[in-house]
C-alpha atoms as a PDB file:
ATOM      1  CA  MET A   1     -16.850  -2.158   8.895  1.00  0.00           C
ATOM      2  CA  VAL A   2     -15.321  -1.180   5.757  1.00  0.00           C
ATOM      3  CA  THR A   3     -14.996  -3.850   2.855  1.00  0.00           C
ATOM      4  CA  LEU A   4     -13.303  -4.344  -0.273  1.00  0.00           C
ATOM      5  CA  GLN A   5     -14.436  -6.543  -3.164  1.00  0.00           C
ATOM      6  CA  LEU A   6     -12.543  -7.495  -6.815  1.00  0.00           C
ATOM      7  CA  ASN A   7     -14.648  -8.821  -9.415  1.00  0.00           C
ATOM      8  CA  ARG A   8     -13.773  -9.440 -13.289  1.00  0.00           C
ATOM      9  CA  VAL A   9     -11.865  -6.185 -12.878  1.00  0.00           C
ATOM     10  CA  SER A  10      -9.840  -5.522 -16.771  1.00  0.00           C
ATOM     11  CA  ALA A  11      -8.451  -3.188 -17.815  1.00  0.00           C
ATOM     12  CA  ARG A  12      -6.404  -2.024 -21.320  1.00  0.00           C
ATOM     13  CA  TYR A  13      -3.600  -0.302 -22.927  1.00  0.00           C
ATOM     14  CA  GLY A  14      -5.845   0.321 -26.161  1.00  0.00           C
ATOM     15  CA  ARG A  15      -6.414  -3.852 -27.133  1.00  0.00           C
ATOM     16  CA  ARG A  16      -3.640  -4.746 -25.001  1.00  0.00           C
ATOM     17  CA  PRO A  17      -5.486  -6.229 -21.640  1.00  0.00           C
ATOM     18  CA  ILE A  18      -3.147  -5.471 -18.414  1.00  0.00           C
ATOM     19  CA  LEU A  19      -5.320  -7.126 -16.057  1.00  0.00           C
ATOM     20  CA  GLU A  20      -7.585  -9.962 -16.651  1.00  0.00           C
ATOM     21  CA  GLU A  21     -10.891 -10.258 -14.772  1.00  0.00           C
ATOM     22  CA  ILE A  22      -9.287 -10.353 -11.047  1.00  0.00           C
ATOM     23  CA  THR A  23     -11.737 -11.582  -8.088  1.00  0.00           C
ATOM     24  CA  THR A  24     -10.669 -11.090  -4.845  1.00  0.00           C
ATOM     25  CA  PRO A  25     -12.964 -12.659  -1.513  1.00  0.00           C
ATOM     26  CA  CYS A  26     -14.364  -9.457   0.270  1.00  0.00           C
ATOM     27  CA  PHE A  27     -10.877  -7.868   2.145  1.00  0.00           C
ATOM     28  CA  HIS A  28     -12.384  -5.880   5.486  1.00  0.00           C
ATOM     29  CA  GLY A  29     -10.648  -3.121   8.038  1.00  0.00           C
ATOM     30  CA  GLY A  30      -7.943  -4.379  10.244  1.00  0.00           C
ATOM     31  CA  GLN A  31      -5.927  -7.014   7.669  1.00  0.00           C
ATOM     32  CA  VAL A  32      -3.380  -6.041   5.413  1.00  0.00           C
ATOM     33  CA  VAL A  33      -3.442  -7.091   2.167  1.00  0.00           C
ATOM     34  CA  ALA A  34      -0.159  -7.592   0.646  1.00  0.00           C
ATOM     35  CA  LEU A  35       0.468  -7.486  -2.932  1.00  0.00           C
ATOM     36  CA  LEU A  36       3.262  -8.788  -4.576  1.00  0.00           C
ATOM     37  CA  GLY A  37       4.570 -10.445  -7.902  1.00  0.00           C
ATOM     38  CA  PRO A  38       7.293  -9.062 -10.162  1.00  0.00           C
ATOM     39  CA  ASN A  39       8.030  -6.033 -11.662  1.00  0.00           C
ATOM     40  CA  ALA A  40       4.709  -5.131 -14.891  1.00  0.00           C
ATOM     41  CA  ALA A  41       3.230  -7.576 -13.135  1.00  0.00           C
ATOM     42  CA  GLY A  42       0.203  -4.954 -12.420  1.00  0.00           C
ATOM     43  CA  LYS A  43       0.309  -3.301  -9.274  1.00  0.00           C
ATOM     44  CA  SER A  44       0.326  -0.590  -9.424  1.00  0.00           C
ATOM     45  CA  THR A  45      -1.981  -0.874 -12.696  1.00  0.00           C
ATOM     46  CA  LEU A  46      -4.682  -2.741 -10.042  1.00  0.00           C
ATOM     47  CA  PHE A  47      -4.793   0.333  -7.276  1.00  0.00           C
ATOM     48  CA  ARG A  48      -5.283   2.880 -10.203  1.00  0.00           C
ATOM     49  CA  ARG A  49      -7.902   0.559 -11.635  1.00  0.00           C
ATOM     50  CA  VAL A  50      -9.491   0.566  -7.664  1.00  0.00           C
ATOM     51  CA  LEU A  51      -9.563   4.210  -7.142  1.00  0.00           C
ATOM     52  CA  GLY A  52     -11.249   4.905 -10.494  1.00  0.00           C
ATOM     53  CA  LEU A  53      -8.477   5.952 -12.769  1.00  0.00           C
ATOM     54  CA  LEU A  54      -8.102   3.836 -14.665  1.00  0.00           C
ATOM     55  CA  LYS A  55     -11.677   2.540 -15.993  1.00  0.00           C
ATOM     56  CA  GLY A  56     -12.062  -1.141 -17.424  1.00  0.00           C
ATOM     57  CA  GLU A  57     -14.200  -3.915 -16.884  1.00  0.00           C
ATOM     58  CA  GLY A  58     -15.643  -5.647 -13.815  1.00  0.00           C
ATOM     59  CA  GLU A  59     -16.565  -4.327 -10.353  1.00  0.00           C
ATOM     60  CA  VAL A  60     -14.617  -2.842  -7.397  1.00  0.00           C
ATOM     61  CA  VAL A  61     -17.166  -2.955  -4.455  1.00  0.00           C
ATOM     62  CA  ILE A  62     -16.280  -0.959  -1.265  1.00  0.00           C
ATOM     63  CA  SER A  63     -18.605  -1.336   1.130  1.00  0.00           C
ATOM     64  CA  GLY A  64     -19.614  -0.660   5.026  1.00  0.00           C
ATOM     65  CA  THR A  65     -18.386   3.718   5.080  1.00  0.00           C
ATOM     66  CA  SER A  66     -20.201   7.010   4.387  1.00  0.00           C
ATOM     67  CA  ALA A  67     -17.536   8.212   4.123  1.00  0.00           C
ATOM     68  CA  GLU A  68     -17.289  10.570   0.681  1.00  0.00           C
ATOM     69  CA  ARG A  69     -13.283  10.159   0.095  1.00  0.00           C
ATOM     70  CA  PRO A  70     -12.467   6.426   2.426  1.00  0.00           C
ATOM     71  CA  VAL A  71      -9.606   5.309   0.459  1.00  0.00           C
ATOM     72  CA  GLY A  72      -6.156   7.162   0.670  1.00  0.00           C
ATOM     73  CA  TYR A  73      -3.382   6.516  -1.443  1.00  0.00           C
ATOM     74  CA  MET A  74      -0.160   6.596  -1.951  1.00  0.00           C
ATOM     75  CA  PRO A  75       2.035   6.568  -5.245  1.00  0.00           C
ATOM     76  CA  GLN A  76       5.412   5.063  -5.934  1.00  0.00           C
ATOM     77  CA  ASP A  77       6.498   8.721  -7.506  1.00  0.00           C
ATOM     78  CA  THR A  78       3.730  11.607  -6.976  1.00  0.00           C
ATOM     79  CA  GLY A  79       6.184  13.964  -9.151  1.00  0.00           C
ATOM     80  CA  ALA A  80       5.143  16.985  -7.134  1.00  0.00           C
ATOM     81  CA  LYS A  81       6.928  20.343  -8.076  1.00  0.00           C
ATOM     82  CA  ALA A  82       5.383  22.819  -5.501  1.00  0.00           C
ATOM     83  CA  VAL A  83       7.358  24.744  -2.524  1.00  0.00           C
ATOM     84  CA  LEU A  84       6.623  23.756   0.033  1.00  0.00           C
ATOM     85  CA  THR A  85       7.654  23.173   3.707  1.00  0.00           C
ATOM     86  CA  VAL A  86       6.563  19.187   4.519  1.00  0.00           C
ATOM     87  CA  TYR A  87       4.173  20.429   7.024  1.00  0.00           C
ATOM     88  CA  GLU A  88       2.872  22.472   4.257  1.00  0.00           C
ATOM     89  CA  SER A  89       2.065  20.011   1.983  1.00  0.00           C
ATOM     90  CA  VAL A  90       0.785  17.002   4.539  1.00  0.00           C
ATOM     91  CA  LEU A  91      -2.008  19.767   5.556  1.00  0.00           C
ATOM     92  CA  LEU A  92      -3.003  20.654   1.239  1.00  0.00           C
ATOM     93  CA  ALA A  93      -3.101  16.773   1.301  1.00  0.00           C
ATOM     94  CA  ARG A  94      -5.172  16.990   4.423  1.00  0.00           C
ATOM     95  CA  MET A  95      -7.754  20.136   3.021  1.00  0.00           C
ATOM     96  CA  GLN A  96      -8.640  18.283  -0.013  1.00  0.00           C
ATOM     97  CA  GLY A  97     -12.601  18.403  -0.236  1.00  0.00           C
ATOM     98  CA  ARG A  98     -12.201  20.088   2.605  1.00  0.00           C
ATOM     99  CA  GLY A  99     -12.910  23.504   1.751  1.00  0.00           C
ATOM    100  CA  LEU A 100     -10.310  26.475   2.102  1.00  0.00           C
ATOM    101  CA  LYS A 101     -10.724  26.969   6.228  1.00  0.00           C
ATOM    102  CA  VAL A 102      -8.548  25.611   8.313  1.00  0.00           C
ATOM    103  CA  GLN A 103      -9.734  23.920  12.027  1.00  0.00           C
ATOM    104  CA  PRO A 104      -7.921  23.138  14.625  1.00  0.00           C
ATOM    105  CA  GLU A 105      -8.531  19.501  13.933  1.00  0.00           C
ATOM    106  CA  ASP A 106      -6.396  19.558  10.096  1.00  0.00           C
ATOM    107  CA  LEU A 107      -3.625  20.799  12.090  1.00  0.00           C
ATOM    108  CA  ALA A 108      -4.169  17.976  15.224  1.00  0.00           C
ATOM    109  CA  GLN A 109      -3.872  15.655  12.073  1.00  0.00           C
ATOM    110  CA  VAL A 110      -1.014  16.676  10.342  1.00  0.00           C
ATOM    111  CA  ASP A 111       1.026  16.787  13.533  1.00  0.00           C
ATOM    112  CA  ARG A 112      -0.551  13.179  13.857  1.00  0.00           C
ATOM    113  CA  ALA A 113       0.762  12.289  10.683  1.00  0.00           C
ATOM    114  CA  LEU A 114       4.032  13.582  10.595  1.00  0.00           C
ATOM    115  CA  GLU A 115       4.609  11.855  15.085  1.00  0.00           C
ATOM    116  CA  GLU A 116       3.297   8.631  13.849  1.00  0.00           C
ATOM    117  CA  LEU A 117       5.392   8.551  10.717  1.00  0.00           C
ATOM    118  CA  SER A 118       8.333  10.192  13.071  1.00  0.00           C
ATOM    119  CA  ILE A 119       9.033  13.399  10.814  1.00  0.00           C
ATOM    120  CA  ALA A 120       7.753  15.365  12.885  1.00  0.00           C
ATOM    121  CA  SER A 121      11.501  17.270  12.822  1.00  0.00           C
ATOM    122  CA  LEU A 122      11.257  17.529   9.352  1.00  0.00           C
ATOM    123  CA  GLY A 123       8.015  19.410   9.179  1.00  0.00           C
ATOM    124  CA  GLU A 124       9.829  22.879   8.139  1.00  0.00           C
ATOM    125  CA  ARG A 125      12.119  21.444   6.110  1.00  0.00           C
ATOM    126  CA  ASP A 126      11.348  22.248   2.456  1.00  0.00           C
ATOM    127  CA  THR A 127      10.075  18.452   0.539  1.00  0.00           C
ATOM    128  CA  GLY A 128      12.541  20.030  -2.382  1.00  0.00           C
ATOM    129  CA  ASP A 129      15.630  19.069   0.110  1.00  0.00           C
ATOM    130  CA  LEU A 130      14.395  15.905   1.443  1.00  0.00           C
ATOM    131  CA  SER A 131      15.982  12.075   0.407  1.00  0.00           C
ATOM    132  CA  GLY A 132      14.289   9.714  -1.193  1.00  0.00           C
ATOM    133  CA  GLY A 133      13.104   8.181   1.658  1.00  0.00           C
ATOM    134  CA  GLN A 134      11.734  10.920   3.330  1.00  0.00           C
ATOM    135  CA  ARG A 135      10.086  11.881   0.865  1.00  0.00           C
ATOM    136  CA  GLN A 136       7.658   8.857   0.818  1.00  0.00           C
ATOM    137  CA  LEU A 137       7.502   9.214   4.424  1.00  0.00           C
ATOM    138  CA  VAL A 138       5.831  12.544   3.784  1.00  0.00           C
ATOM    139  CA  SER A 139       3.579  10.685   1.128  1.00  0.00           C
ATOM    140  CA  ALA A 140       2.713   8.301   3.751  1.00  0.00           C
ATOM    141  CA  ALA A 141       1.853  10.954   5.970  1.00  0.00           C
ATOM    142  CA  GLN A 142      -0.570  12.426   3.112  1.00  0.00           C
ATOM    143  CA  ALA A 143      -2.555   9.685   2.648  1.00  0.00           C
ATOM    144  CA  LEU A 144      -2.449   9.099   6.035  1.00  0.00           C
ATOM    145  CA  VAL A 145      -4.229  12.619   7.087  1.00  0.00           C
ATOM    146  CA  GLN A 146      -6.728  12.312   5.273  1.00  0.00           C
ATOM    147  CA  GLU A 147      -8.181   9.640   7.720  1.00  0.00           C
ATOM    148  CA  PRO A 148      -8.983   6.977   4.696  1.00  0.00           C
ATOM    149  CA  GLU A 149     -10.798   3.400   6.027  1.00  0.00           C
ATOM    150  CA  ILE A 150      -9.498   1.950   2.680  1.00  0.00           C
ATOM    151  CA  LEU A 151      -5.182   2.963   2.833  1.00  0.00           C
ATOM    152  CA  MET A 152      -3.450   1.683  -0.547  1.00  0.00           C
ATOM    153  CA  LEU A 153       0.336   1.446  -0.868  1.00  0.00           C
ATOM    154  CA  ASP A 154       2.587   1.028  -3.760  1.00  0.00           C
ATOM    155  CA  GLU A 155       6.030   0.104  -2.823  1.00  0.00           C
ATOM    156  CA  PRO A 156       6.436   3.058   0.495  1.00  0.00           C
ATOM    157  CA  THR A 157       9.520   0.974   1.101  1.00  0.00           C
ATOM    158  CA  SER A 158      11.286   0.970  -1.628  1.00  0.00           C
ATOM    159  CA  ALA A 159      13.586   3.905  -0.932  1.00  0.00           C
ATOM    160  CA  LEU A 160      14.014   3.538   2.543  1.00  0.00           C
ATOM    161  CA  ASP A 161      16.997   1.615   5.001  1.00  0.00           C
ATOM    162  CA  LEU A 162      15.593  -0.941   7.269  1.00  0.00           C
ATOM    163  CA  ASN A 163      14.829   0.678   9.964  1.00  0.00           C
ATOM    164  CA  ARG A 164      12.542   2.910   8.801  1.00  0.00           C
ATOM    165  CA  GLN A 165      11.089  -0.249   6.359  1.00  0.00           C
ATOM    166  CA  ILE A 166      10.641  -2.476   9.891  1.00  0.00           C
ATOM    167  CA  SER A 167       8.808   1.443  11.301  1.00  0.00           C
ATOM    168  CA  LEU A 168       6.867   1.912   8.895  1.00  0.00           C
ATOM    169  CA  LEU A 169       6.001  -1.018   8.140  1.00  0.00           C
ATOM    170  CA  THR A 170       4.672  -1.947  12.189  1.00  0.00           C
ATOM    171  CA  VAL A 171       2.892   1.239  12.299  1.00  0.00           C
ATOM    172  CA  LEU A 172       1.022   0.027   8.716  1.00  0.00           C
ATOM    173  CA  ARG A 173       0.630  -2.963  10.799  1.00  0.00           C
ATOM    174  CA  ARG A 174      -1.059  -0.880  14.394  1.00  0.00           C
ATOM    175  CA  LEU A 175      -3.773   1.702  12.250  1.00  0.00           C
ATOM    176  CA  ALA A 176      -5.079  -1.547  10.920  1.00  0.00           C
ATOM    177  CA  ASP A 177      -5.558  -3.382  14.365  1.00  0.00           C
ATOM    178  CA  GLU A 178      -6.147  -0.040  16.357  1.00  0.00           C
ATOM    179  CA  ARG A 179      -8.347   2.005  13.318  1.00  0.00           C
ATOM    180  CA  GLN A 180      -9.570  -0.637  11.463  1.00  0.00           C
ATOM    181  CA  MET A 181      -8.581   0.172   8.677  1.00  0.00           C
ATOM    182  CA  LEU A 182      -8.051  -1.766   5.929  1.00  0.00           C
ATOM    183  CA  ILE A 183      -4.591  -1.776   4.089  1.00  0.00           C
ATOM    184  CA  LEU A 184      -3.102  -2.634   0.575  1.00  0.00           C
ATOM    185  CA  VAL A 185       0.838  -2.513   0.028  1.00  0.00           C
ATOM    186  CA  ALA A 186       2.326  -3.851  -2.628  1.00  0.00           C
ATOM    187  CA  LEU A 187       5.617  -5.235  -1.754  1.00  0.00           C
ATOM    188  CA  HIS A 188       8.862  -6.178  -3.417  1.00  0.00           C
ATOM    189  CA  ASP A 189      10.282  -7.941   0.125  1.00  0.00           C
ATOM    190  CA  LEU A 190       8.232 -11.098   0.422  1.00  0.00           C
ATOM    191  CA  GLY A 191       9.559 -11.629   4.083  1.00  0.00           C
ATOM    192  CA  HIS A 192       7.694  -8.299   5.132  1.00  0.00           C
ATOM    193  CA  ALA A 193       4.901  -9.913   3.846  1.00  0.00           C
ATOM    194  CA  LEU A 194       4.795 -12.688   5.709  1.00  0.00           C
ATOM    195  CA  ARG A 195       5.360 -10.813   8.384  1.00  0.00           C
ATOM    196  CA  PHE A 196       3.396  -8.559   8.535  1.00  0.00           C
ATOM    197  CA  ALA A 197      -0.011  -8.942   5.981  1.00  0.00           C
ATOM    198  CA  ASP A 198      -2.902 -11.313   7.027  1.00  0.00           C
ATOM    199  CA  ALA A 199      -3.333 -11.933   3.634  1.00  0.00           C
ATOM    200  CA  ALA A 200      -1.267 -11.109  -0.338  1.00  0.00           C
ATOM    201  CA  MET A 201      -2.645 -11.190  -3.965  1.00  0.00           C
ATOM    202  CA  MET A 202       0.079 -12.471  -6.252  1.00  0.00           C
ATOM    203  CA  LEU A 203       0.136 -11.039  -9.833  1.00  0.00           C
ATOM    204  CA  GLU A 204       1.988 -11.996 -13.193  1.00  0.00           C
ATOM    205  CA  ASN A 205       1.484 -10.318 -16.398  1.00  0.00           C
ATOM    206  CA  GLY A 206      -1.403  -8.847 -15.442  1.00  0.00           C
ATOM    207  CA  ARG A 207      -3.686 -11.530 -14.057  1.00  0.00           C
ATOM    208  CA  LEU A 208      -3.761 -12.847 -10.347  1.00  0.00           C
ATOM    209  CA  ILE A 209      -2.276 -16.050  -9.156  1.00  0.00           C
ATOM    210  CA  ALA A 210      -2.767 -16.977  -5.909  1.00  0.00           C
ATOM    211  CA  CYS A 211      -5.143 -14.528  -3.164  1.00  0.00           C
ATOM    212  CA  GLY A 212      -5.980 -15.721   0.259  1.00  0.00           C
ATOM    213  CA  PRO A 213      -3.561 -15.776   3.819  1.00  0.00           C
ATOM    214  CA  THR A 214       0.211 -14.904   2.807  1.00  0.00           C
ATOM    215  CA  ALA A 215       1.013 -18.247   3.991  1.00  0.00           C
ATOM    216  CA  ASP A 216      -0.570 -20.079   1.225  1.00  0.00           C
ATOM    217  CA  VAL A 217       0.583 -17.508  -1.273  1.00  0.00           C
ATOM    218  CA  ILE A 218       4.336 -17.134  -0.217  1.00  0.00           C
ATOM    219  CA  THR A 219       4.958 -21.274  -1.213  1.00  0.00           C
ATOM    220  CA  PRO A 220       8.374 -22.337  -2.606  1.00  0.00           C
ATOM    221  CA  ALA A 221       5.734 -23.870  -5.877  1.00  0.00           C
ATOM    222  CA  LEU A 222       5.038 -20.117  -6.670  1.00  0.00           C
ATOM    223  CA  LEU A 223       7.953 -18.582  -6.366  1.00  0.00           C
ATOM    224  CA  HIS A 224       9.239 -21.167  -8.694  1.00  0.00           C
ATOM    225  CA  GLN A 225       6.664 -20.148 -10.695  1.00  0.00           C
ATOM    226  CA  VAL A 226       6.113 -16.741 -10.981  1.00  0.00           C
ATOM    227  CA  TYR A 227       9.469 -14.573  -9.793  1.00  0.00           C
ATOM    228  CA  ARG A 228      11.863 -17.894 -10.639  1.00  0.00           C
ATOM    229  CA  VAL A 229      13.620 -19.026  -7.793  1.00  0.00           C
ATOM    230  CA  SER A 230      14.390 -21.572  -6.098  1.00  0.00           C
ATOM    231  CA  ALA A 231      13.338 -21.033  -1.878  1.00  0.00           C
ATOM    232  CA  ARG A 232      12.168 -22.780   1.008  1.00  0.00           C
ATOM    233  CA  ILE A 233      10.106 -20.887   3.978  1.00  0.00           C
ATOM    234  CA  GLU A 234      11.890 -22.334   7.842  1.00  0.00           C
ATOM    235  CA  SER A 235      10.673 -20.502  11.185  1.00  0.00           C
ATOM    236  CA  CYS A 236      13.079 -19.051  13.183  1.00  0.00           C
ATOM    237  CA  SER A 237      13.378 -20.158  17.520  1.00  0.00           C
ATOM    238  CA  LYS A 238      10.031 -17.656  17.727  1.00  0.00           C
ATOM    239  CA  GLY A 239       8.031 -19.547  14.881  1.00  0.00           C
ATOM    240  CA  GLN A 240       7.825 -16.877  12.577  1.00  0.00           C
ATOM    241  CA  PRO A 241       8.296 -17.804   9.117  1.00  0.00           C
ATOM    242  CA  GLN A 242      11.376 -17.127   7.040  1.00  0.00           C
ATOM    243  CA  LEU A 243      12.017 -16.515   3.322  1.00  0.00           C
ATOM    244  CA  ILE A 244      14.498 -17.891   2.202  1.00  0.00           C
ATOM    245  CA  VAL A 245      16.121 -17.897  -1.401  1.00  0.00           C
ATOM    246  CA  GLU A 246      19.057 -20.492  -2.916  1.00  0.00           C
ATOM    247  CA  SER A 247      19.177 -19.501  -6.322  1.00  0.00           C
ATOM    248  CA  ALA A 248      17.247 -17.573  -9.519  1.00  0.00           C
ATOM    249  CA  ILE A 249      16.247 -20.437 -11.683  1.00  0.00           C
END
């Protein structure tokens, strides 16, 4: 089973520290881990550091995998300008590192990714003609089609309507449960984190403020400290935790 652990992971822009000695427990396949924090907390930077796109001190330890490219990544904005159909763009993502010859299995995986995210009907559409939410789902399909063992998604629900948000997070939860993927997802909706994530990391100004089971991280005290809001956590009639924000501080 794939595992991921960070040991005193740091990074700088020039002399300015942007991540400060982040150490986590060992996350493993089958978990959904929510990456939380206000804007500019360091969430995207941490993803880039884990991917090796940003250099720094400390160790990013991935073990339990023999895959050549075990990590799939969905950034906030791909910035892609190529004129491709949705199907072509997902197939291109599939073929990265696999050579030029497309095999039947490659086409099957593209079909599977589009179906899982309910965007098969967009297959022949040009990516440039899509809405922001549709482009987010295509980006998620591009990450998923690579069959990673660790899937990292940077605010994948930011442009989605409520139905699509729940649908995508339900798919991610199922991928963790059924395929034993380790999924790290940056979220601004803490209610979604309470519902779908097993564990959470709370960042502020490049520092790890809390890390552990989601209910131990999303607490009134930490929300007051990090988000500057007065909030409480209550259980609904089904026993699920509900976040109620009363006021900004």
